[in-house]
């Protein structure tokens, strides 16, 4: 990712999945988020389910069933994302200096995106590059000491 410019503003990206670890990372990024200058991109990844190479008309799910399953996964992800966006905007709006009123442009500076595809991890990394993110926050998933240190 890129080095921050000389100004103190930062572009943060956090990847959420509803886990306790993601919640801790979310709280940490909010504690460091500057309501007047920083940007926050909240993302969640959805691994699309693909149909088997051949579909047996004698019992295997149809392509429509896979499409329905993917649509349901993406709907759940959008709902989760909307909850986190609302919480982030509410917390930033409640900070001293802006009691009950969101800082100007907060909707543009706190955004969300569902990343869907067969490899959401790779898609999220690509998104971070395209968005010129300064820091990407992820919750550890109980992976062991070395991976936890690297992943957050």
Protein backbone atom coordinates (compact mmCIF):
# COMPACT_ATOMS: atom_id res chain seq x y z
CA UNK A 1 0.00 0.00 0.00
CA UNK A 2 1.10 3.60 -0.27
CA UNK A 3 2.95 5.85 2.12
CA UNK A 4 0.78 8.63 3.57
CA UNK A 5 1.33 12.04 2.04
CA UNK A 6 2.70 14.86 4.14
CA UNK A 7 -0.79 15.73 5.41
CA UNK A 8 -2.06 13.87 8.43
CA UNK A 9 -5.08 12.36 6.68
CA UNK A 10 -5.18 8.60 6.26
CA UNK A 11 -7.25 6.27 4.12
CA UNK A 12 -8.22 3.22 6.19
CA UNK A 13 -9.81 0.04 4.91
CA UNK A 14 -11.29 -2.54 7.25
CA UNK A 15 -12.46 -6.00 6.28
CA UNK A 16 -15.34 -7.25 8.40
CA UNK A 17 -17.05 -10.63 8.62
CA UNK A 18 -19.12 -10.41 11.80
CA UNK A 19 -16.53 -12.23 13.92
CA UNK A 20 -15.32 -11.10 17.35
CA UNK A 21 -11.90 -10.47 15.84
CA UNK A 22 -13.34 -8.21 13.13
CA UNK A 23 -15.30 -6.34 15.81
CA UNK A 24 -12.08 -5.67 17.75
CA UNK A 25 -10.36 -4.41 14.59
CA UNK A 26 -13.40 -2.20 13.83
CA UNK A 27 -13.25 -0.63 17.29
CA UNK A 28 -9.50 -0.08 16.91
CA UNK A 29 -9.78 1.64 13.53
CA UNK A 30 -12.60 3.88 14.81
CA UNK A 31 -10.47 4.91 17.78
CA UNK A 32 -7.78 6.07 15.35
CA UNK A 33 -10.11 7.60 12.74
CA UNK A 34 -9.96 11.40 12.43
CA UNK A 35 -13.48 12.69 11.86
CA UNK A 36 -12.19 15.78 10.12
CA UNK A 37 -9.70 14.38 7.62
CA UNK A 38 -9.53 10.57 7.34
CA UNK A 39 -11.39 8.24 5.00
CA UNK A 40 -12.73 4.80 5.89
CA UNK A 41 -13.67 2.04 3.47
CA UNK A 42 -15.51 -0.84 5.16
CA UNK A 43 -15.50 -4.06 3.13
CA UNK A 44 -16.79 -7.56 3.49
CA UNK A 45 -15.99 -10.46 1.21
CA UNK A 46 -18.33 -13.07 -0.20
CA UNK A 47 -17.02 -16.26 -1.75
CA UNK A 48 -19.43 -17.08 -4.55
CA UNK A 49 -20.55 -20.68 -4.83
CA UNK A 50 -19.97 -22.11 -8.27
CA UNK A 51 -21.93 -24.94 -9.84
CA UNK A 52 -20.26 -28.32 -10.37
CA UNK A 53 -18.61 -28.80 -13.79
CA UNK A 54 -21.61 -30.81 -14.98
CA UNK A 55 -25.16 -30.66 -13.74
CA UNK A 56 -26.98 -33.95 -13.46
CA UNK A 57 -30.68 -33.52 -14.23
CA UNK A 58 -31.37 -36.37 -11.82
CA UNK A 59 -30.97 -34.58 -8.53
CA UNK A 60 -28.14 -32.05 -8.44
CA UNK A 61 -29.10 -28.43 -7.85
CA UNK A 62 -29.74 -26.32 -10.92
CA UNK A 63 -27.74 -23.28 -11.94
CA UNK A 64 -30.63 -21.16 -10.65
CA UNK A 65 -30.15 -22.71 -7.20
CA UNK A 66 -26.49 -21.63 -7.17
CA UNK A 67 -27.46 -18.14 -8.32
CA UNK A 68 -30.09 -17.97 -5.56
CA UNK A 69 -27.52 -19.08 -2.96
CA UNK A 70 -25.03 -16.45 -4.15
CA UNK A 71 -27.71 -13.76 -4.07
CA UNK A 72 -28.60 -14.73 -0.48
CA UNK A 73 -24.92 -14.59 0.59
CA UNK A 74 -24.50 -11.17 -0.99
CA UNK A 75 -27.72 -9.90 0.64
CA UNK A 76 -26.48 -11.02 4.07
CA UNK A 77 -23.14 -9.31 3.41
CA UNK A 78 -24.86 -6.04 2.39
CA UNK A 79 -26.95 -6.13 5.57
CA UNK A 80 -23.84 -6.67 7.72
CA UNK A 81 -22.06 -3.88 5.89
CA UNK A 82 -24.96 -1.46 6.41
CA UNK A 83 -24.88 -2.13 10.17
CA UNK A 84 -21.17 -1.34 10.34
CA UNK A 85 -21.56 1.78 8.19
CA UNK A 86 -24.34 3.07 10.43
CA UNK A 87 -22.29 2.40 13.55
CA UNK A 88 -19.19 4.11 12.14
CA UNK A 89 -21.12 7.19 11.05
CA UNK A 90 -22.98 7.39 14.37
CA UNK A 91 -19.79 7.12 16.41
CA UNK A 92 -18.00 9.75 14.36
CA UNK A 93 -21.03 12.05 14.64
CA UNK A 94 -21.13 11.65 18.44
CA UNK A 95 -17.55 12.80 18.98
CA UNK A 96 -16.80 16.05 20.81
CA UNK A 97 -16.89 19.04 18.50
CA UNK A 98 -19.76 17.64 16.44
CA UNK A 99 -22.46 16.71 18.98
CA UNK A 100 -25.23 14.90 17.16
CA UNK A 101 -24.15 16.26 13.80
CA UNK A 102 -22.05 14.38 11.28
CA UNK A 103 -18.93 16.21 10.11
CA UNK A 104 -19.25 17.65 6.61
CA UNK A 105 -18.80 15.02 3.91
CA UNK A 106 -18.89 12.05 6.31
CA UNK A 107 -21.01 9.95 3.93
CA UNK A 108 -18.34 10.35 1.23
CA UNK A 109 -15.51 9.63 3.67
CA UNK A 110 -17.09 6.58 5.35
CA UNK A 111 -18.05 4.17 2.55
CA UNK A 112 -18.75 0.48 2.24
CA UNK A 113 -18.37 -2.18 -0.42
CA UNK A 114 -19.22 -5.86 -0.72
CA UNK A 115 -16.48 -7.75 -2.56
CA UNK A 116 -17.90 -10.88 -4.21
CA UNK A 117 -16.13 -13.49 -6.29
CA UNK A 118 -14.47 -16.88 -6.19
CA UNK A 119 -11.44 -15.45 -4.29
CA UNK A 120 -12.57 -12.55 -2.08
CA UNK A 121 -9.22 -12.28 -0.26
CA UNK A 122 -7.42 -11.55 -3.50
CA UNK A 123 -10.21 -9.19 -4.60
CA UNK A 124 -9.90 -7.25 -1.33
CA UNK A 125 -6.13 -6.86 -1.82
CA UNK A 126 -6.74 -5.61 -5.37
CA UNK A 127 -9.34 -3.17 -4.07
CA UNK A 128 -6.90 -1.80 -1.49
CA UNK A 129 -4.45 -1.04 -4.28
CA UNK A 130 -7.07 0.57 -6.52
CA UNK A 131 -8.34 2.71 -3.64
CA UNK A 132 -4.80 3.80 -2.60
CA UNK A 133 -5.41 2.64 0.96
CA UNK A 134 -2.81 3.67 3.56
CA UNK A 135 -3.65 0.95 6.06
CA UNK A 136 -5.78 -2.20 5.80
CA UNK A 137 -7.30 -3.58 9.00
CA UNK A 138 -8.33 -7.21 9.41
CA UNK A 139 -9.23 -9.27 12.44
CA UNK A 140 -7.11 -12.29 13.27
CA UNK A 141 -8.94 -15.59 12.92
CA UNK A 142 -7.09 -17.52 15.62
CA UNK A 143 -4.33 -18.55 13.27
CA UNK A 144 -1.30 -18.98 15.49
CA UNK A 145 1.26 -16.54 16.82
CA UNK A 146 3.17 -15.72 13.61
CA UNK A 147 0.11 -15.38 11.35
CA UNK A 148 -1.70 -13.39 14.05
CA UNK A 149 1.22 -10.97 14.24
CA UNK A 150 1.26 -10.54 10.46
CA UNK A 151 -2.50 -10.39 9.90
CA UNK A 152 -3.47 -8.25 12.88
